Amino acid sequence: MHYSAKLTLCYNEAEMDLKTLQEKVITLNRGQNFDYSLNTPREKEILAKTVKLNEEVGELCNDILGILKLQSRAKLDNFDRRNVYQEFADVLITLMQLAISANVDLDRAVSDKIKTISARIEKDKTRKT
């Protein structure tokens, strides 16, 4: 049995199959001149730790879906809600490792962000009164 996936693109309502769409994306990629090369070990380390952080956030999301019972029955059967603590810790530790690799001072970053959020909250309060 052969299936052909069709997509309707909203901007012109043209139908195309995935192969045609893939060919269009290849053509678009050729027209763009992005350099994704990593030149130093530090750049590679930062990329690897960024990908690892994304993996850990995904695992945390899976556990949160489990807690909310929004996972499939098979996943819920094997779910242990106590694992969510480990996943929060994994996200935090991996974030710290990435910050170290990227030379980001987390104390300063968090402090600056809290000031920004506080200022926004105060500005919103004055608008409402």
Protein backbone atom coordinates (compact mmCIF):
# COMPACT_ATOMS: atom_id res chain seq x y z
CA MET A 1 0.00 0.00 0.00
CA HIS A 2 1.38 3.43 -0.96
CA TYR A 3 0.48 6.58 0.94
CA SER A 4 1.17 10.07 -0.28
CA ALA A 5 1.03 12.83 2.28
CA LYS A 6 -0.45 16.07 1.00
CA LEU A 7 -0.04 19.42 2.67
CA THR A 8 -2.18 22.47 2.04
CA LEU A 9 -0.06 25.57 2.33
CA CYS A 10 -2.09 28.48 3.60
CA TYR A 11 -0.27 31.26 1.77
CA ASN A 12 -1.47 30.17 -1.65
CA GLU A 13 -3.65 27.13 -0.96
CA ALA A 14 -1.42 25.04 -3.24
CA GLU A 15 -1.24 21.34 -2.50
CA MET A 16 2.08 19.58 -2.58
CA ASP A 17 3.45 16.30 -1.39
CA LEU A 18 6.26 16.04 1.13
CA LYS A 19 8.85 15.28 -1.56
CA THR A 20 7.99 18.50 -3.42
CA LEU A 21 8.10 20.45 -0.17
CA GLN A 22 11.48 18.91 0.65
CA GLU A 23 12.82 19.94 -2.77
CA LYS A 24 11.60 23.51 -2.20
CA VAL A 25 13.36 23.60 1.19
CA ILE A 26 16.58 22.31 -0.40
CA THR A 27 16.36 25.12 -2.95
CA LEU A 28 15.78 27.66 -0.19
CA ASN A 29 18.76 26.32 1.76
CA ARG A 30 21.02 26.74 -1.26
CA GLY A 31 20.00 30.40 -1.47
CA GLN A 32 20.95 31.07 2.12
CA ASN A 33 24.56 31.25 3.10
CA PHE A 34 24.58 30.21 6.77
CA ASP A 35 27.83 28.99 8.22
CA TYR A 36 27.02 26.46 10.91
CA SER A 37 30.58 25.26 11.34
CA LEU A 38 31.97 25.04 14.83
CA ASN A 39 35.52 26.30 14.93
CA THR A 40 36.65 25.74 18.48
CA PRO A 41 36.30 23.03 21.12
CA ARG A 42 34.47 25.59 23.29
CA GLU A 43 31.84 26.16 20.58
CA LYS A 44 31.35 22.39 20.31
CA GLU A 45 31.06 22.11 24.09
CA ILE A 46 28.46 24.89 24.25
CA LEU A 47 26.42 23.29 21.47
CA ALA A 48 26.61 19.84 23.09
CA LYS A 49 25.53 21.22 26.47
CA THR A 50 22.70 23.20 24.85
CA VAL A 51 21.41 20.03 23.19
CA LYS A 52 21.79 18.15 26.49
CA LEU A 53 19.78 20.85 28.28
CA ASN A 54 17.03 20.46 25.71
CA GLU A 55 17.03 16.69 26.32
CA GLU A 56 16.74 17.18 30.08
CA VAL A 57 13.90 19.71 29.69
CA GLY A 58 12.11 17.18 27.47
CA GLU A 59 12.45 14.50 30.15
CA LEU A 60 11.05 16.92 32.74
CA CYS A 61 8.14 17.69 30.42
CA ASN A 62 7.43 13.97 30.06
CA ASP A 63 7.29 13.61 33.84
CA ILE A 64 5.01 16.62 34.19
CA LEU A 65 2.71 15.12 31.56
CA GLY A 66 2.78 11.92 33.61
CA ILE A 67 1.82 13.76 36.79
CA LEU A 68 -1.07 15.38 34.92
CA LYS A 69 -2.00 11.97 33.46
CA LEU A 70 -1.61 13.30 29.93
CA GLN A 71 0.71 10.50 28.80
CA SER A 72 -0.24 7.31 26.99
CA ARG A 73 -1.43 4.38 29.11
CA ALA A 74 1.84 2.50 28.43
CA LYS A 75 3.93 5.40 29.73
CA LEU A 76 1.66 5.92 32.72
CA ASP A 77 1.99 2.25 33.68
CA ASN A 78 5.76 2.72 34.07
CA PHE A 79 5.61 6.24 35.50
CA ASP A 80 7.08 7.02 38.92
CA ARG A 81 6.15 10.53 40.01
CA ARG A 82 9.13 10.65 42.39
CA ASN A 83 11.38 10.85 39.32
CA VAL A 84 10.26 14.44 38.69
CA TYR A 85 12.65 15.60 41.44
CA GLN A 86 15.54 14.01 39.58
CA GLU A 87 14.45 15.66 36.33
CA PHE A 88 14.27 19.12 37.93
CA ALA A 89 17.77 18.55 39.32
CA ASP A 90 19.03 17.37 35.90
CA VAL A 91 17.71 20.54 34.25
CA LEU A 92 19.26 22.78 36.88
CA ILE A 93 22.64 21.02 36.83
CA THR A 94 22.80 20.93 33.04
CA LEU A 95 21.85 24.62 32.88
CA MET A 96 24.67 25.42 35.29
CA GLN A 97 27.12 23.36 33.21
CA LEU A 98 26.07 25.28 30.10
CA ALA A 99 26.44 28.62 31.90
CA ILE A 100 29.95 27.66 32.99
CA SER A 101 30.90 26.69 29.42
CA ALA A 102 29.45 29.94 28.07
CA ASN A 103 31.06 32.06 30.81
CA VAL A 104 27.68 33.26 32.07
CA ASP A 105 27.52 34.49 35.67
CA LEU A 106 24.23 32.97 36.80
CA ASP A 107 24.06 35.14 39.95
CA ARG A 108 24.25 38.25 37.80
CA ALA A 109 21.92 36.87 35.10
CA VAL A 110 19.20 35.93 37.61
CA SER A 111 19.58 39.14 39.59
CA ASP A 112 19.34 41.27 36.43
CA LYS A 113 16.31 39.32 35.21
CA ILE A 114 14.51 39.64 38.55
CA LYS A 115 15.06 43.41 38.41
CA THR A 116 13.65 43.50 34.87
CA ILE A 117 10.58 41.46 35.85
CA SER A 118 10.02 43.55 38.99
CA ALA A 119 10.18 46.76 36.98
CA ARG A 120 7.68 45.36 34.47
CA ILE A 121 5.30 44.35 37.27
CA GLU A 122 5.52 47.81 38.83
CA LYS A 123 4.92 49.45 35.45
CA ASP A 124 1.86 47.23 34.91
CA LYS A 125 0.52 48.13 38.37
CA THR A 126 0.77 51.86 37.65
CA ARG A 127 -1.07 51.40 34.35
CA LYS A 128 -3.96 49.62 36.10
CA THR A 129 -4.42 52.34 38.73
